[in-house]
Amino acid sequence: MYKIRVILDTKEDVLRTILVEDSINLERLHFIIAEAFGFEGQEMASFYKADDEWNQGEEIPLFNMEETTTSIAMQNCLLTETLPLENDKLIYVYDFLNMWTFYVDVVEILKEQKENLPQVILSVGKIPEEAPEKEFVADKLDDDTNDDEFDIFDDFDFNEY
């Protein structure tokens, strides 16, 4: 059994601590998290692997969008394989139009099993009416970039084609 803390990325404290069976896949976890925060679970979503500083890594989408059958998707990712250790982390993005972003952290892995899982054992804060705005900032480019490399296109008349 896993004890998982899910924190909404917002200024106010909005979090849920959830107990789940260790045998579930990430698709089931997606629906559990969505329901715990009052969503219907009908929107697209993805998990992203994260390191200890919450840097976003590999995407685990809700559905396999590639034509190959070996592509990664929530349905074929087991919780125990994706988050095998305590303090393992994922970033969960729900509804790509609104970008609800959550931090998912394994608080504890328990050997005991409980009935009636999943269970929300701690609920703090109410989810806001609208998703918090996200500001995406690109890293600053190095000052030593060569601006002259594209000067050859300045004299080219693109209207001729």
C-alpha atoms as a PDB file:
ATOM      1  CA  MET A   1       0.000   0.000   0.000  1.00  0.00           C
ATOM      2  CA  TYR A   2       1.266   3.472  -0.901  1.00  0.00           C
ATOM      3  CA  LYS A   3       0.699   6.708   0.979  1.00  0.00           C
ATOM      4  CA  ILE A   4       0.935   9.445  -1.639  1.00  0.00           C
ATOM      5  CA  ARG A   5       0.839  13.212  -1.111  1.00  0.00           C
ATOM      6  CA  VAL A   6      -0.518  15.254  -4.021  1.00  0.00           C
ATOM      7  CA  ILE A   7      -0.002  19.040  -3.895  1.00  0.00           C
ATOM      8  CA  LEU A   8      -1.598  21.520  -6.283  1.00  0.00           C
ATOM      9  CA  ASP A   9       0.885  24.036  -7.666  1.00  0.00           C
ATOM     10  CA  THR A  10      -0.765  27.182  -6.308  1.00  0.00           C
ATOM     11  CA  LYS A  11      -0.053  29.886  -3.736  1.00  0.00           C
ATOM     12  CA  GLU A  12      -2.647  28.549  -1.298  1.00  0.00           C
ATOM     13  CA  ASP A  13      -2.113  25.185   0.382  1.00  0.00           C
ATOM     14  CA  VAL A  14      -4.187  22.621  -1.511  1.00  0.00           C
ATOM     15  CA  LEU A  15      -3.182  19.014  -0.985  1.00  0.00           C
ATOM     16  CA  ARG A  16      -4.507  15.518  -0.565  1.00  0.00           C
ATOM     17  CA  THR A  17      -2.853  12.505   1.027  1.00  0.00           C
ATOM     18  CA  ILE A  18      -4.136   9.310  -0.503  1.00  0.00           C
ATOM     19  CA  LEU A  19      -3.762   5.626   0.324  1.00  0.00           C
ATOM     20  CA  VAL A  20      -3.714   3.392  -2.760  1.00  0.00           C
ATOM     21  CA  GLU A  21      -3.065  -0.254  -3.516  1.00  0.00           C
ATOM     22  CA  ASP A  22       0.470  -0.921  -4.661  1.00  0.00           C
ATOM     23  CA  SER A  23      -0.787  -3.022  -7.588  1.00  0.00           C
ATOM     24  CA  ILE A  24      -2.458  -0.187  -9.528  1.00  0.00           C
ATOM     25  CA  ASN A  25      -1.190   1.378 -12.743  1.00  0.00           C
ATOM     26  CA  LEU A  26      -0.732   5.100 -13.390  1.00  0.00           C
ATOM     27  CA  GLU A  27      -4.012   5.318 -15.307  1.00  0.00           C
ATOM     28  CA  ARG A  28      -5.855   4.301 -12.135  1.00  0.00           C
ATOM     29  CA  LEU A  29      -3.766   6.784 -10.120  1.00  0.00           C
ATOM     30  CA  HIS A  30      -4.756   9.507 -12.615  1.00  0.00           C
ATOM     31  CA  PHE A  31      -8.451   8.855 -11.957  1.00  0.00           C
ATOM     32  CA  ILE A  32      -7.900   8.660  -8.179  1.00  0.00           C
ATOM     33  CA  ILE A  33      -6.093  12.030  -8.107  1.00  0.00           C
ATOM     34  CA  ALA A  34      -8.654  13.681 -10.398  1.00  0.00           C
ATOM     35  CA  GLU A  35     -11.505  12.501  -8.188  1.00  0.00           C
ATOM     36  CA  ALA A  36      -9.723  13.538  -4.969  1.00  0.00           C
ATOM     37  CA  PHE A  37      -9.554  17.109  -6.282  1.00  0.00           C
ATOM     38  CA  GLY A  38     -13.124  17.157  -7.618  1.00  0.00           C
ATOM     39  CA  PHE A  39     -12.448  16.573 -11.313  1.00  0.00           C
ATOM     40  CA  GLU A  40     -14.321  14.043 -13.430  1.00  0.00           C
ATOM     41  CA  GLY A  41     -11.143  12.668 -14.970  1.00  0.00           C
ATOM     42  CA  GLN A  42     -12.349  13.238 -18.537  1.00  0.00           C
ATOM     43  CA  GLU A  43      -9.528  15.566 -19.643  1.00  0.00           C
ATOM     44  CA  MET A  44      -6.163  14.624 -21.093  1.00  0.00           C
ATOM     45  CA  ALA A  45      -3.391  14.261 -18.567  1.00  0.00           C
ATOM     46  CA  SER A  46       0.229  13.219 -18.232  1.00  0.00           C
ATOM     47  CA  PHE A  47       2.621  12.255 -15.513  1.00  0.00           C
ATOM     48  CA  TYR A  48       6.245  13.348 -15.754  1.00  0.00           C
ATOM     49  CA  LYS A  49       9.049  11.692 -13.881  1.00  0.00           C
ATOM     50  CA  ALA A  50      10.732  14.155 -11.530  1.00  0.00           C
ATOM     51  CA  ASP A  51      13.940  14.274  -9.532  1.00  0.00           C
ATOM     52  CA  ASP A  52      14.334  15.456  -5.934  1.00  0.00           C
ATOM     53  CA  GLU A  53      14.264  19.121  -7.051  1.00  0.00           C
ATOM     54  CA  TRP A  54      11.047  18.554  -9.084  1.00  0.00           C
ATOM     55  CA  ASN A  55      12.818  18.907 -12.443  1.00  0.00           C
ATOM     56  CA  GLN A  56      10.531  17.538 -15.119  1.00  0.00           C
ATOM     57  CA  GLY A  57      11.696  14.402 -16.903  1.00  0.00           C
ATOM     58  CA  GLU A  58      10.197  11.752 -19.169  1.00  0.00           C
ATOM     59  CA  GLU A  59       6.484  12.062 -20.001  1.00  0.00           C
ATOM     60  CA  ILE A  60       4.042   9.258 -19.266  1.00  0.00           C
ATOM     61  CA  PRO A  61       0.894  10.210 -21.233  1.00  0.00           C
ATOM     62  CA  LEU A  62      -2.621   8.979 -20.587  1.00  0.00           C
ATOM     63  CA  PHE A  63      -2.749   7.322 -24.013  1.00  0.00           C
ATOM     64  CA  ASN A  64      -0.156   5.927 -26.371  1.00  0.00           C
ATOM     65  CA  MET A  65      -0.031   8.565 -29.123  1.00  0.00           C
ATOM     66  CA  GLU A  66       2.596   6.813 -31.219  1.00  0.00           C
ATOM     67  CA  GLU A  67       1.980   4.108 -33.780  1.00  0.00           C
ATOM     68  CA  THR A  68       4.274   1.637 -32.064  1.00  0.00           C
ATOM     69  CA  THR A  69       2.879  -0.706 -29.447  1.00  0.00           C
ATOM     70  CA  THR A  70       5.955  -0.359 -27.244  1.00  0.00           C
ATOM     71  CA  SER A  71       5.327   3.296 -26.416  1.00  0.00           C
ATOM     72  CA  ILE A  72       4.892   4.319 -22.830  1.00  0.00           C
ATOM     73  CA  ALA A  73       1.402   5.109 -21.484  1.00  0.00           C
ATOM     74  CA  MET A  74      -0.211   5.259 -18.047  1.00  0.00           C
ATOM     75  CA  GLN A  75      -2.009   1.962 -18.582  1.00  0.00           C
ATOM     76  CA  ASN A  76       1.225  -0.027 -18.915  1.00  0.00           C
ATOM     77  CA  CYS A  77       3.113   1.684 -16.068  1.00  0.00           C
ATOM     78  CA  LEU A  78       2.676   0.032 -12.679  1.00  0.00           C
ATOM     79  CA  LEU A  79       2.946   2.168  -9.572  1.00  0.00           C
ATOM     80  CA  THR A  80       5.522  -0.154  -8.003  1.00  0.00           C
ATOM     81  CA  GLU A  81       7.762   0.058 -11.074  1.00  0.00           C
ATOM     82  CA  THR A  82       7.386   3.800 -11.679  1.00  0.00           C
ATOM     83  CA  LEU A  83       7.666   4.841  -8.025  1.00  0.00           C
ATOM     84  CA  PRO A  84       9.551   1.980  -6.361  1.00  0.00           C
ATOM     85  CA  LEU A  85      10.947   3.992  -3.418  1.00  0.00           C
ATOM     86  CA  GLU A  86       9.721   6.360  -0.745  1.00  0.00           C
ATOM     87  CA  ASN A  87      10.219  10.011  -1.761  1.00  0.00           C
ATOM     88  CA  ASP A  88       9.992   9.151  -5.478  1.00  0.00           C
ATOM     89  CA  LYS A  89       8.256  11.967  -7.329  1.00  0.00           C
ATOM     90  CA  LEU A  90       6.065  12.675 -10.338  1.00  0.00           C
ATOM     91  CA  ILE A  91       4.601  15.840 -11.767  1.00  0.00           C
ATOM     92  CA  TYR A  92       0.973  15.389 -12.817  1.00  0.00           C
ATOM     93  CA  VAL A  93      -0.632  17.737 -15.354  1.00  0.00           C
ATOM     94  CA  TYR A  94      -4.398  17.496 -15.750  1.00  0.00           C
ATOM     95  CA  ASP A  95      -6.387  19.228 -18.516  1.00  0.00           C
ATOM     96  CA  PHE A  96      -3.857  20.703 -20.931  1.00  0.00           C
ATOM     97  CA  LEU A  97      -6.122  23.669 -21.712  1.00  0.00           C
ATOM     98  CA  ASN A  98      -6.030  24.794 -18.079  1.00  0.00           C
ATOM     99  CA  MET A  99      -2.744  23.159 -17.017  1.00  0.00           C
ATOM    100  CA  TRP A 100      -3.693  22.051 -13.508  1.00  0.00           C
ATOM    101  CA  THR A 101      -0.277  21.004 -12.194  1.00  0.00           C
ATOM    102  CA  PHE A 102       0.282  18.769  -9.182  1.00  0.00           C
ATOM    103  CA  TYR A 103       3.322  17.430  -7.356  1.00  0.00           C
ATOM    104  CA  VAL A 104       3.002  13.728  -6.499  1.00  0.00           C
ATOM    105  CA  ASP A 105       5.282  12.400  -3.776  1.00  0.00           C
ATOM    106  CA  VAL A 106       5.486   8.908  -2.253  1.00  0.00           C
ATOM    107  CA  VAL A 107       5.337   9.602   1.474  1.00  0.00           C
ATOM    108  CA  GLU A 108       5.444   6.002   2.643  1.00  0.00           C
ATOM    109  CA  ILE A 109       5.284   2.455   1.286  1.00  0.00           C
ATOM    110  CA  LEU A 110       3.482   0.213   3.748  1.00  0.00           C
ATOM    111  CA  LYS A 111       3.552  -3.583   3.843  1.00  0.00           C
ATOM    112  CA  GLU A 112       0.089  -3.788   5.344  1.00  0.00           C
ATOM    113  CA  GLN A 113      -2.993  -3.771   3.126  1.00  0.00           C
ATOM    114  CA  LYS A 114      -6.245  -1.985   3.898  1.00  0.00           C
ATOM    115  CA  GLU A 115      -9.766  -2.549   2.705  1.00  0.00           C
ATOM    116  CA  ASN A 116     -11.723   0.057   0.761  1.00  0.00           C
ATOM    117  CA  LEU A 117      -8.837   1.627  -1.131  1.00  0.00           C
ATOM    118  CA  PRO A 118      -8.270   4.208  -2.448  1.00  0.00           C
ATOM    119  CA  GLN A 119      -8.848   6.510   0.523  1.00  0.00           C
ATOM    120  CA  VAL A 120      -8.206  10.215   0.938  1.00  0.00           C
ATOM    121  CA  ILE A 121      -6.823  10.359   4.474  1.00  0.00           C
ATOM    122  CA  LEU A 122      -5.959  14.078   4.517  1.00  0.00           C
ATOM    123  CA  SER A 123      -7.570  16.922   2.627  1.00  0.00           C
ATOM    124  CA  VAL A 124      -6.245  20.474   2.997  1.00  0.00           C
ATOM    125  CA  GLY A 125      -7.632  23.465   1.106  1.00  0.00           C
ATOM    126  CA  LYS A 126     -10.154  23.922  -1.658  1.00  0.00           C
ATOM    127  CA  ILE A 127      -9.258  23.843  -5.295  1.00  0.00           C
ATOM    128  CA  PRO A 128      -9.644  27.312  -6.868  1.00  0.00           C
ATOM    129  CA  GLU A 129     -12.364  28.018  -9.435  1.00  0.00           C
ATOM    130  CA  GLU A 130      -9.718  28.491 -12.149  1.00  0.00           C
ATOM    131  CA  ALA A 131      -6.346  26.886 -12.673  1.00  0.00           C
ATOM    132  CA  PRO A 132      -3.402  28.973 -11.457  1.00  0.00           C
ATOM    133  CA  GLU A 133      -1.683  30.799 -14.307  1.00  0.00           C
ATOM    134  CA  LYS A 134       1.562  29.292 -15.465  1.00  0.00           C
ATOM    135  CA  GLU A 135       4.487  31.378 -16.608  1.00  0.00           C
ATOM    136  CA  PHE A 136       6.893  29.567 -18.865  1.00  0.00           C
ATOM    137  CA  VAL A 137      10.291  31.194 -18.972  1.00  0.00           C
ATOM    138  CA  ALA A 138      12.995  30.059 -21.356  1.00  0.00           C
ATOM    139  CA  ASP A 139      16.605  29.963 -20.314  1.00  0.00           C
ATOM    140  CA  LYS A 140      18.574  32.995 -21.447  1.00  0.00           C
ATOM    141  CA  LEU A 141      20.599  32.343 -24.569  1.00  0.00           C
ATOM    142  CA  ASP A 142      24.345  32.684 -24.425  1.00  0.00           C
ATOM    143  CA  ASP A 143      25.621  36.092 -25.481  1.00  0.00           C
ATOM    144  CA  ASP A 144      28.174  34.488 -27.767  1.00  0.00           C
ATOM    145  CA  THR A 145      25.579  33.446 -30.377  1.00  0.00           C
ATOM    146  CA  ASN A 146      26.585  34.363 -33.875  1.00  0.00           C
ATOM    147  CA  ASP A 147      23.902  36.736 -35.213  1.00  0.00           C
ATOM    148  CA  ASP A 148      25.851  37.148 -38.447  1.00  0.00           C
ATOM    149  CA  GLU A 149      25.203  33.569 -39.488  1.00  0.00           C
ATOM    150  CA  PHE A 150      21.736  34.459 -40.871  1.00  0.00           C
ATOM    151  CA  ASP A 151      22.728  37.737 -42.527  1.00  0.00           C
ATOM    152  CA  ILE A 152      22.945  35.992 -45.889  1.00  0.00           C
ATOM    153  CA  PHE A 153      19.131  35.805 -45.949  1.00  0.00           C
ATOM    154  CA  ASP A 154      18.685  39.589 -45.609  1.00  0.00           C
ATOM    155  CA  ASP A 155      19.173  40.179 -49.336  1.00  0.00           C
ATOM    156  CA  PHE A 156      17.067  37.232 -50.436  1.00  0.00           C
ATOM    157  CA  ASP A 157      13.690  38.122 -51.989  1.00  0.00           C
ATOM    158  CA  PHE A 158      11.222  35.564 -50.656  1.00  0.00           C
ATOM    159  CA  ASN A 159       8.341  37.086 -52.670  1.00  0.00           C
ATOM    160  CA  GLU A 160       9.765  35.715 -55.916  1.00  0.00           C
ATOM    161  CA  TYR A 161       8.730  32.176 -54.973  1.00  0.00           C
END
